[in-house]
């Protein structure tokens, strides 16, 4: 078999390409690790919510409705104000 002789330019480009591939792989692995941690936290809070008494389970829903109502009231108040000319 014949040995291929690559130029310095070609070797440098190959090295840069390899570096970028490894960098992308490491970033993907880091992202997957963060996602796994987030998923674990989600599962933990979900488990706690299941074990909690019924009024505590309804708390996030009540809070969400309260926030939605406050936003709607604020929006209505802003619409009724006369435009400054």
PDB file of N, CA and C in Angstrom:
ATOM      1  N   UNK A   1       0.835  -1.181   0.000  1.00  0.00           N
ATOM      2  CA  UNK A   1       0.000   0.000   0.000  1.00  0.00           C
ATOM      3  C   UNK A   1       0.876   1.239   0.000  1.00  0.00           C
ATOM      4  N   UNK A   2       0.398   2.230  -0.667  1.00  0.00           N
ATOM      5  CA  UNK A   2       1.152   3.467  -0.781  1.00  0.00           C
ATOM      6  C   UNK A   2       0.846   4.410   0.375  1.00  0.00           C
ATOM      7  N   UNK A   3       1.840   5.059   0.920  1.00  0.00           N
ATOM      8  CA  UNK A   3       1.654   5.990   2.026  1.00  0.00           C
ATOM      9  C   UNK A   3       1.220   7.342   1.451  1.00  0.00           C
ATOM     10  N   UNK A   4       0.149   7.895   2.043  1.00  0.00           N
ATOM     11  CA  UNK A   4      -0.324   9.201   1.584  1.00  0.00           C
ATOM     12  C   UNK A   4       0.460  10.296   2.279  1.00  0.00           C
ATOM     13  N   UNK A   5       0.920  11.242   1.524  1.00  0.00           N
ATOM     14  CA  UNK A   5       1.615  12.397   2.106  1.00  0.00           C
ATOM     15  C   UNK A   5       0.648  13.568   2.103  1.00  0.00           C
ATOM     16  N   UNK A   6       0.344  14.044   3.307  1.00  0.00           N
ATOM     17  CA  UNK A   6      -0.585  15.168   3.407  1.00  0.00           C
ATOM     18  C   UNK A   6       0.197  16.445   3.704  1.00  0.00           C
ATOM     19  N   UNK A   7      -0.289  17.514   3.132  1.00  0.00           N
ATOM     20  CA  UNK A   7       0.384  18.795   3.340  1.00  0.00           C
ATOM     21  C   UNK A   7       0.150  19.287   4.767  1.00  0.00           C
ATOM     22  N   UNK A   8       0.930  20.264   5.189  1.00  0.00           N
ATOM     23  CA  UNK A   8       0.775  20.846   6.522  1.00  0.00           C
ATOM     24  C   UNK A   8      -0.602  21.493   6.663  1.00  0.00           C
ATOM     25  N   UNK A   9      -1.031  22.133   5.586  1.00  0.00           N
ATOM     26  CA  UNK A   9      -2.331  22.794   5.593  1.00  0.00           C
ATOM     27  C   UNK A   9      -3.442  21.764   5.827  1.00  0.00           C
ATOM     28  N   UNK A  10      -3.343  20.640   5.132  1.00  0.00           N
ATOM     29  CA  UNK A  10      -4.349  19.594   5.257  1.00  0.00           C
ATOM     30  C   UNK A  10      -4.341  18.982   6.664  1.00  0.00           C
ATOM     31  N   UNK A  11      -3.148  18.759   7.216  1.00  0.00           N
ATOM     32  CA  UNK A  11      -3.043  18.205   8.563  1.00  0.00           C
ATOM     33  C   UNK A  11      -3.621  19.172   9.595  1.00  0.00           C
ATOM     34  N   UNK A  12      -3.381  20.479   9.395  1.00  0.00           N
ATOM     35  CA  UNK A  12      -3.904  21.490  10.316  1.00  0.00           C
ATOM     36  C   UNK A  12      -5.436  21.518  10.254  1.00  0.00           C
ATOM     37  N   UNK A  13      -5.974  21.441   9.043  1.00  0.00           N
ATOM     38  CA  UNK A  13      -7.434  21.428   8.897  1.00  0.00           C
ATOM     39  C   UNK A  13      -8.041  20.187   9.540  1.00  0.00           C
ATOM     40  N   UNK A  14      -7.393  19.052   9.381  1.00  0.00           N
ATOM     41  CA  UNK A  14      -7.881  17.824   9.999  1.00  0.00           C
ATOM     42  C   UNK A  14      -7.875  17.943  11.524  1.00  0.00           C
ATOM     43  N   UNK A  15      -6.805  18.538  12.046  1.00  0.00           N
ATOM     44  CA  UNK A  15      -6.702  18.706  13.496  1.00  0.00           C
ATOM     45  C   UNK A  15      -7.815  19.614  14.014  1.00  0.00           C
ATOM     46  N   UNK A  16      -8.079  20.698  13.292  1.00  0.00           N
ATOM     47  CA  UNK A  16      -9.150  21.617  13.701  1.00  0.00           C
ATOM     48  C   UNK A  16     -10.503  20.905  13.642  1.00  0.00           C
ATOM     49  N   UNK A  17     -10.727  20.146  12.576  1.00  0.00           N
ATOM     50  CA  UNK A  17     -11.985  19.402  12.441  1.00  0.00           C
ATOM     51  C   UNK A  17     -12.174  18.413  13.581  1.00  0.00           C
ATOM     52  N   UNK A  18     -11.115  17.708  13.922  1.00  0.00           N
ATOM     53  CA  UNK A  18     -11.187  16.737  15.021  1.00  0.00           C
ATOM     54  C   UNK A  18     -11.469  17.444  16.342  1.00  0.00           C
ATOM     55  N   UNK A  19     -10.803  18.572  16.566  1.00  0.00           N
ATOM     56  CA  UNK A  19     -11.023  19.345  17.789  1.00  0.00           C
ATOM     57  C   UNK A  19     -12.489  19.774  17.904  1.00  0.00           C
ATOM     58  N   UNK A  20     -13.037  20.279  16.791  1.00  0.00           N
ATOM     59  CA  UNK A  20     -14.425  20.739  16.817  1.00  0.00           C
ATOM     60  C   UNK A  20     -15.394  19.581  17.072  1.00  0.00           C
ATOM     61  N   UNK A  21     -15.078  18.408  16.515  1.00  0.00           N
ATOM     62  CA  UNK A  21     -15.933  17.238  16.757  1.00  0.00           C
ATOM     63  C   UNK A  21     -15.928  16.868  18.230  1.00  0.00           C
ATOM     64  N   UNK A  22     -14.735  16.824  18.832  1.00  0.00           N
ATOM     65  CA  UNK A  22     -14.644  16.481  20.245  1.00  0.00           C
ATOM     66  C   UNK A  22     -15.345  17.529  21.109  1.00  0.00           C
ATOM     67  N   UNK A  23     -15.201  18.790  20.726  1.00  0.00           N
ATOM     68  CA  UNK A  23     -15.848  19.874  21.469  1.00  0.00           C
ATOM     69  C   UNK A  23     -17.374  19.716  21.415  1.00  0.00           C
ATOM     70  N   UNK A  24     -17.893  19.409  20.233  1.00  0.00           N
ATOM     71  CA  UNK A  24     -19.340  19.224  20.075  1.00  0.00           C
ATOM     72  C   UNK A  24     -19.824  18.033  20.896  1.00  0.00           C
ATOM     73  N   UNK A  25     -19.041  16.954  20.899  1.00  0.00           N
ATOM     74  CA  UNK A  25     -19.430  15.767  21.667  1.00  0.00           C
ATOM     75  C   UNK A  25     -19.451  16.078  23.158  1.00  0.00           C
ATOM     76  N   UNK A  26     -18.444  16.820  23.623  1.00  0.00           N
ATOM     77  CA  UNK A  26     -18.399  17.147  25.050  1.00  0.00           C
ATOM     78  C   UNK A  26     -19.559  18.056  25.442  1.00  0.00           C
ATOM     79  N   UNK A  27     -19.915  19.003  24.572  1.00  0.00           N
ATOM     80  CA  UNK A  27     -21.050  19.887  24.868  1.00  0.00           C
ATOM     81  C   UNK A  27     -22.352  19.103  24.892  1.00  0.00           C
ATOM     82  N   UNK A  28     -22.506  18.156  23.964  1.00  0.00           N
ATOM     83  CA  UNK A  28     -23.720  17.341  23.936  1.00  0.00           C
ATOM     84  C   UNK A  28     -23.819  16.502  25.207  1.00  0.00           C
ATOM     85  N   UNK A  29     -22.688  15.953  25.645  1.00  0.00           N
ATOM     86  CA  UNK A  29     -22.685  15.146  26.865  1.00  0.00           C
ATOM     87  C   UNK A  29     -23.034  16.004  28.075  1.00  0.00           C
ATOM     88  N   UNK A  30     -22.488  17.211  28.115  1.00  0.00           N
ATOM     89  CA  UNK A  30     -22.784  18.120  29.220  1.00  0.00           C
ATOM     90  C   UNK A  30     -24.276  18.478  29.227  1.00  0.00           C
ATOM     91  N   UNK A  31     -24.821  18.751  28.044  1.00  0.00           N
ATOM     92  CA  UNK A  31     -26.251  19.064  27.948  1.00  0.00           C
ATOM     93  C   UNK A  31     -27.111  17.899  28.386  1.00  0.00           C
ATOM     94  N   UNK A  32     -26.707  16.685  28.012  1.00  0.00           N
ATOM     95  CA  UNK A  32     -27.465  15.498  28.412  1.00  0.00           C
ATOM     96  C   UNK A  32     -27.414  15.323  29.925  1.00  0.00           C
ATOM     97  N   UNK A  33     -26.268  15.623  30.508  1.00  0.00           N
ATOM     98  CA  UNK A  33     -26.150  15.533  31.967  1.00  0.00           C
ATOM     99  C   UNK A  33     -27.062  16.517  32.669  1.00  0.00           C
ATOM    100  N   UNK A  34     -27.100  17.743  32.144  1.00  0.00           N
ATOM    101  CA  UNK A  34     -27.979  18.759  32.737  1.00  0.00           C
ATOM    102  C   UNK A  34     -29.442  18.357  32.574  1.00  0.00           C
ATOM    103  N   UNK A  35     -29.791  17.800  31.423  1.00  0.00           N
ATOM    104  CA  UNK A  35     -31.167  17.368  31.190  1.00  0.00           C
ATOM    105  C   UNK A  35     -31.537  16.254  32.160  1.00  0.00           C
ATOM    106  N   UNK A  36     -30.611  15.336  32.393  1.00  0.00           N
ATOM    107  CA  UNK A  36     -30.877  14.239  33.322  1.00  0.00           C
ATOM    108  C   UNK A  36     -31.097  14.774  34.732  1.00  0.00           C
ATOM    109  N   UNK A  37     -30.300  15.768  35.133  1.00  0.00           N
ATOM    110  CA  UNK A  37     -30.474  16.361  36.461  1.00  0.00           C
ATOM    111  C   UNK A  37     -31.838  17.040  36.560  1.00  0.00           C
ATOM    112  N   UNK A  38     -32.199  17.790  35.520  1.00  0.00           N
ATOM    113  CA  UNK A  38     -33.494  18.466  35.512  1.00  0.00           C
ATOM    114  C   UNK A  38     -34.641  17.484  35.569  1.00  0.00           C
ATOM    115  N   UNK A  39     -34.507  16.371  34.834  1.00  0.00           N
ATOM    116  CA  UNK A  39     -35.552  15.353  34.820  1.00  0.00           C
ATOM    117  C   UNK A  39     -35.669  14.707  36.193  1.00  0.00           C
ATOM    118  N   UNK A  40     -34.526  14.462  36.843  1.00  0.00           N
ATOM    119  CA  UNK A  40     -34.539  13.869  38.180  1.00  0.00           C
ATOM    120  C   UNK A  40     -35.243  14.802  39.168  1.00  0.00           C
ATOM    121  N   UNK A  41     -34.965  16.101  39.056  1.00  0.00           N
ATOM    122  CA  UNK A  41     -35.612  17.075  39.945  1.00  0.00           C
ATOM    123  C   UNK A  41     -37.116  17.100  39.689  1.00  0.00           C
ATOM    124  N   UNK A  42     -37.495  17.027  38.413  1.00  0.00           N
ATOM    125  CA  UNK A  42     -38.920  17.020  38.049  1.00  0.00           C
ATOM    126  C   UNK A  42     -39.604  15.802  38.648  1.00  0.00           C
ATOM    127  N   UNK A  43     -38.954  14.636  38.507  1.00  0.00           N
ATOM    128  CA  UNK A  43     -39.536  13.406  39.033  1.00  0.00           C
ATOM    129  C   UNK A  43     -39.667  13.480  40.552  1.00  0.00           C
ATOM    130  N   UNK A  44     -38.659  14.061  41.208  1.00  0.00           N
ATOM    131  CA  UNK A  44     -38.685  14.162  42.669  1.00  0.00           C
ATOM    132  C   UNK A  44     -39.851  15.034  43.123  1.00  0.00           C
ATOM    133  N   UNK A  45     -40.037  16.191  42.491  1.00  0.00           N
ATOM    134  CA  UNK A  45     -41.127  17.082  42.894  1.00  0.00           C
ATOM    135  C   UNK A  45     -42.474  16.472  42.555  1.00  0.00           C
ATOM    136  N   UNK A  46     -42.532  15.721  41.455  1.00  0.00           N
ATOM    137  CA  UNK A  46     -43.780  15.074  41.078  1.00  0.00           C
ATOM    138  C   UNK A  46     -44.152  14.027  42.124  1.00  0.00           C
ATOM    139  N   UNK A  47     -43.149  13.283  42.596  1.00  0.00           N
ATOM    140  CA  UNK A  47     -43.393  12.277  43.631  1.00  0.00           C
ATOM    141  C   UNK A  47     -43.855  12.913  44.923  1.00  0.00           C
ATOM    142  N   UNK A  48     -43.261  14.031  45.296  1.00  0.00           N
ATOM    143  CA  UNK A  48     -43.654  14.734  46.514  1.00  0.00           C
ATOM    144  C   UNK A  48     -45.084  15.240  46.378  1.00  0.00           C
ATOM    145  N   UNK A  49     -45.416  15.749  45.186  1.00  0.00           N
ATOM    146  CA  UNK A  49     -46.769  16.270  44.968  1.00  0.00           C
ATOM    147  C   UNK A  49     -47.808  15.157  45.068  1.00  0.00           C
ATOM    148  N   UNK A  50     -47.462  13.953  44.622  1.00  0.00           N
ATOM    149  CA  UNK A  50     -48.409  12.831  44.699  1.00  0.00           C
ATOM    150  C   UNK A  50     -48.658  12.428  46.142  1.00  0.00           C
ATOM    151  N   UNK A  51     -47.613  12.522  46.973  1.00  0.00           N
ATOM    152  CA  UNK A  51     -47.732  12.105  48.367  1.00  0.00           C
ATOM    153  C   UNK A  51     -48.356  13.189  49.233  1.00  0.00           C
ATOM    154  N   UNK A  52     -48.427  14.407  48.739  1.00  0.00           N
ATOM    155  CA  UNK A  52     -48.928  15.525  49.528  1.00  0.00           C
ATOM    156  C   UNK A  52     -50.447  15.426  49.683  1.00  0.00           C
ATOM    157  N   UNK A  53     -50.981  16.036  50.728  1.00  0.00           N
ATOM    158  CA  UNK A  53     -52.440  16.047  50.888  1.00  0.00           C
ATOM    159  C   UNK A  53     -53.116  16.828  49.756  1.00  0.00           C
ATOM    160  N   UNK A  54     -54.381  16.590  49.533  1.00  0.00           N
ATOM    161  CA  UNK A  54     -55.121  17.166  48.399  1.00  0.00           C
ATOM    162  C   UNK A  54     -55.071  18.695  48.335  1.00  0.00           C
ATOM    163  N   UNK A  55     -55.232  19.434  49.444  1.00  0.00           N
ATOM    164  CA  UNK A  55     -55.177  20.897  49.334  1.00  0.00           C
ATOM    165  C   UNK A  55     -53.828  21.394  48.818  1.00  0.00           C
ATOM    166  N   UNK A  56     -52.746  20.701  49.182  1.00  0.00           N
ATOM    167  CA  UNK A  56     -51.424  21.117  48.725  1.00  0.00           C
ATOM    168  C   UNK A  56     -51.277  20.847  47.236  1.00  0.00           C
ATOM    169  N   UNK A  57     -51.894  19.769  46.748  1.00  0.00           N
ATOM    170  CA  UNK A  57     -51.842  19.453  45.316  1.00  0.00           C
ATOM    171  C   UNK A  57     -52.537  20.547  44.504  1.00  0.00           C
ATOM    172  N   UNK A  58     -53.611  21.107  45.045  1.00  0.00           N
ATOM    173  CA  UNK A  58     -54.385  22.113  44.318  1.00  0.00           C
ATOM    174  C   UNK A  58     -53.735  23.481  44.365  1.00  0.00           C
ATOM    175  N   UNK A  59     -52.757  23.669  45.233  1.00  0.00           N
ATOM    176  CA  UNK A  59     -52.130  24.978  45.414  1.00  0.00           C
ATOM    177  C   UNK A  59     -51.562  25.565  44.125  1.00  0.00           C
ATOM    178  N   UNK A  60     -50.791  24.796  43.324  1.00  0.00           N
ATOM    179  CA  UNK A  60     -50.273  25.387  42.079  1.00  0.00           C
ATOM    180  C   UNK A  60     -51.384  25.815  41.120  1.00  0.00           C
ATOM    181  N   UNK A  61     -52.479  25.058  41.078  1.00  0.00           N
ATOM    182  CA  UNK A  61     -53.598  25.401  40.186  1.00  0.00           C
ATOM    183  C   UNK A  61     -54.245  26.692  40.660  1.00  0.00           C
ATOM    184  N   UNK A  62     -54.477  26.815  41.965  1.00  0.00           N
ATOM    185  CA  UNK A  62     -55.101  28.021  42.523  1.00  0.00           C
ATOM    186  C   UNK A  62     -54.195  29.222  42.286  1.00  0.00           C
ATOM    187  N   UNK A  63     -52.895  29.034  42.500  1.00  0.00           N
ATOM    188  CA  UNK A  63     -51.952  30.124  42.286  1.00  0.00           C
ATOM    189  C   UNK A  63     -51.950  30.553  40.816  1.00  0.00           C
ATOM    190  N   UNK A  64     -52.003  29.573  39.907  1.00  0.00           N
ATOM    191  CA  UNK A  64     -52.030  29.882  38.470  1.00  0.00           C
ATOM    192  C   UNK A  64     -53.273  30.670  38.091  1.00  0.00           C
ATOM    193  N   UNK A  65     -54.408  30.277  38.644  1.00  0.00           N
ATOM    194  CA  UNK A  65     -55.661  30.991  38.358  1.00  0.00           C
ATOM    195  C   UNK A  65     -55.584  32.412  38.907  1.00  0.00           C
ATOM    196  N   UNK A  66     -55.013  32.566  40.110  1.00  0.00           N
ATOM    197  CA  UNK A  66     -54.883  33.896  40.707  1.00  0.00           C
ATOM    198  C   UNK A  66     -54.008  34.810  39.869  1.00  0.00           C
ATOM    199  N   UNK A  67     -52.898  34.272  39.390  1.00  0.00           N
ATOM    200  CA  UNK A  67     -51.995  35.065  38.545  1.00  0.00           C
ATOM    201  C   UNK A  67     -52.681  35.443  37.246  1.00  0.00           C
ATOM    202  N   UNK A  68     -53.393  34.482  36.636  1.00  0.00           N
ATOM    203  CA  UNK A  68     -54.101  34.769  35.380  1.00  0.00           C
ATOM    204  C   UNK A  68     -55.150  35.867  35.596  1.00  0.00           C
ATOM    205  N   UNK A  69     -55.855  35.802  36.718  1.00  0.00           N
ATOM    206  CA  UNK A  69     -56.856  36.825  37.019  1.00  0.00           C
ATOM    207  C   UNK A  69     -56.224  38.197  37.197  1.00  0.00           C
ATOM    208  N   UNK A  70     -55.085  38.243  37.884  1.00  0.00           N
ATOM    209  CA  UNK A  70     -54.403  39.516  38.094  1.00  0.00           C
ATOM    210  C   UNK A  70     -53.931  40.107  36.766  1.00  0.00           C
ATOM    211  N   UNK A  71     -53.403  39.269  35.900  1.00  0.00           N
ATOM    212  CA  UNK A  71     -52.935  39.739  34.588  1.00  0.00           C
ATOM    213  C   UNK A  71     -54.110  40.258  33.762  1.00  0.00           C
ATOM    214  N   UNK A  72     -55.225  39.533  33.813  1.00  0.00           N
ATOM    215  CA  UNK A  72     -56.409  39.952  33.048  1.00  0.00           C
ATOM    216  C   UNK A  72     -56.934  41.297  33.572  1.00  0.00           C
ATOM    217  N   UNK A  73     -56.987  41.463  34.892  1.00  0.00           N
ATOM    218  CA  UNK A  73     -57.477  42.722  35.468  1.00  0.00           C
ATOM    219  C   UNK A  73     -56.567  43.876  35.082  1.00  0.00           C
ATOM    220  N   UNK A  74     -55.261  43.643  35.122  1.00  0.00           N
ATOM    221  CA  UNK A  74     -54.309  44.696  34.752  1.00  0.00           C
ATOM    222  C   UNK A  74     -54.482  45.082  33.282  1.00  0.00           C
ATOM    223  N   UNK A  75     -54.657  44.063  32.452  1.00  0.00           N
ATOM    224  CA  UNK A  75     -54.839  44.313  31.016  1.00  0.00           C
ATOM    225  C   UNK A  75     -56.114  45.129  30.780  1.00  0.00           C
ATOM    226  N   UNK A  76     -57.195  44.781  31.496  1.00  0.00           N
ATOM    227  CA  UNK A  76     -58.451  45.497  31.332  1.00  0.00           C
ATOM    228  C   UNK A  76     -58.305  46.959  31.753  1.00  0.00           C
ATOM    229  N   UNK A  77     -57.568  47.182  32.860  1.00  0.00           N
ATOM    230  CA  UNK A  77     -57.348  48.547  33.337  1.00  0.00           C
ATOM    231  C   UNK A  77     -56.545  49.365  32.321  1.00  0.00           C
ATOM    232  N   UNK A  78     -55.575  48.752  31.687  1.00  0.00           N
ATOM    233  CA  UNK A  78     -54.749  49.461  30.713  1.00  0.00           C
ATOM    234  C   UNK A  78     -55.566  49.829  29.469  1.00  0.00           C
ATOM    235  N   UNK A  79     -56.508  48.970  29.094  1.00  0.00           N
ATOM    236  CA  UNK A  79     -57.324  49.239  27.911  1.00  0.00           C
ATOM    237  C   UNK A  79     -58.297  50.389  28.145  1.00  0.00           C
ATOM    238  N   UNK A  80     -58.777  50.576  29.394  1.00  0.00           N
ATOM    239  CA  UNK A  80     -59.765  51.623  29.662  1.00  0.00           C
ATOM    240  C   UNK A  80     -59.171  53.011  29.782  1.00  0.00           C
ATOM    241  N   UNK A  81     -57.861  53.120  30.040  1.00  0.00           N
ATOM    242  CA  UNK A  81     -57.237  54.432  30.175  1.00  0.00           C
ATOM    243  C   UNK A  81     -57.273  55.172  28.850  1.00  0.00           C
ATOM    244  N   UNK A  82     -57.620  56.485  28.859  1.00  0.00           N
ATOM    245  CA  UNK A  82     -57.643  57.237  27.601  1.00  0.00           C
ATOM    246  C   UNK A  82     -56.203  57.447  27.076  1.00  0.00           C
ATOM    247  N   UNK A  83     -56.078  57.432  25.789  1.00  0.00           N
ATOM    248  CA  UNK A  83     -54.767  57.620  25.167  1.00  0.00           C
ATOM    249  C   UNK A  83     -54.318  59.067  25.340  1.00  0.00           C
ATOM    250  N   UNK A  84     -53.062  59.265  25.731  1.00  0.00           N
ATOM    251  CA  UNK A  84     -52.527  60.629  25.913  1.00  0.00           C
ATOM    252  C   UNK A  84     -52.235  61.213  24.530  1.00  0.00           C
ATOM    253  N   UNK A  85     -52.782  62.424  24.284  1.00  0.00           N
ATOM    254  CA  UNK A  85     -52.607  63.022  22.966  1.00  0.00           C
ATOM    255  C   UNK A  85     -51.547  64.089  22.965  1.00  0.00           C
TER     256      UNK A  85
END
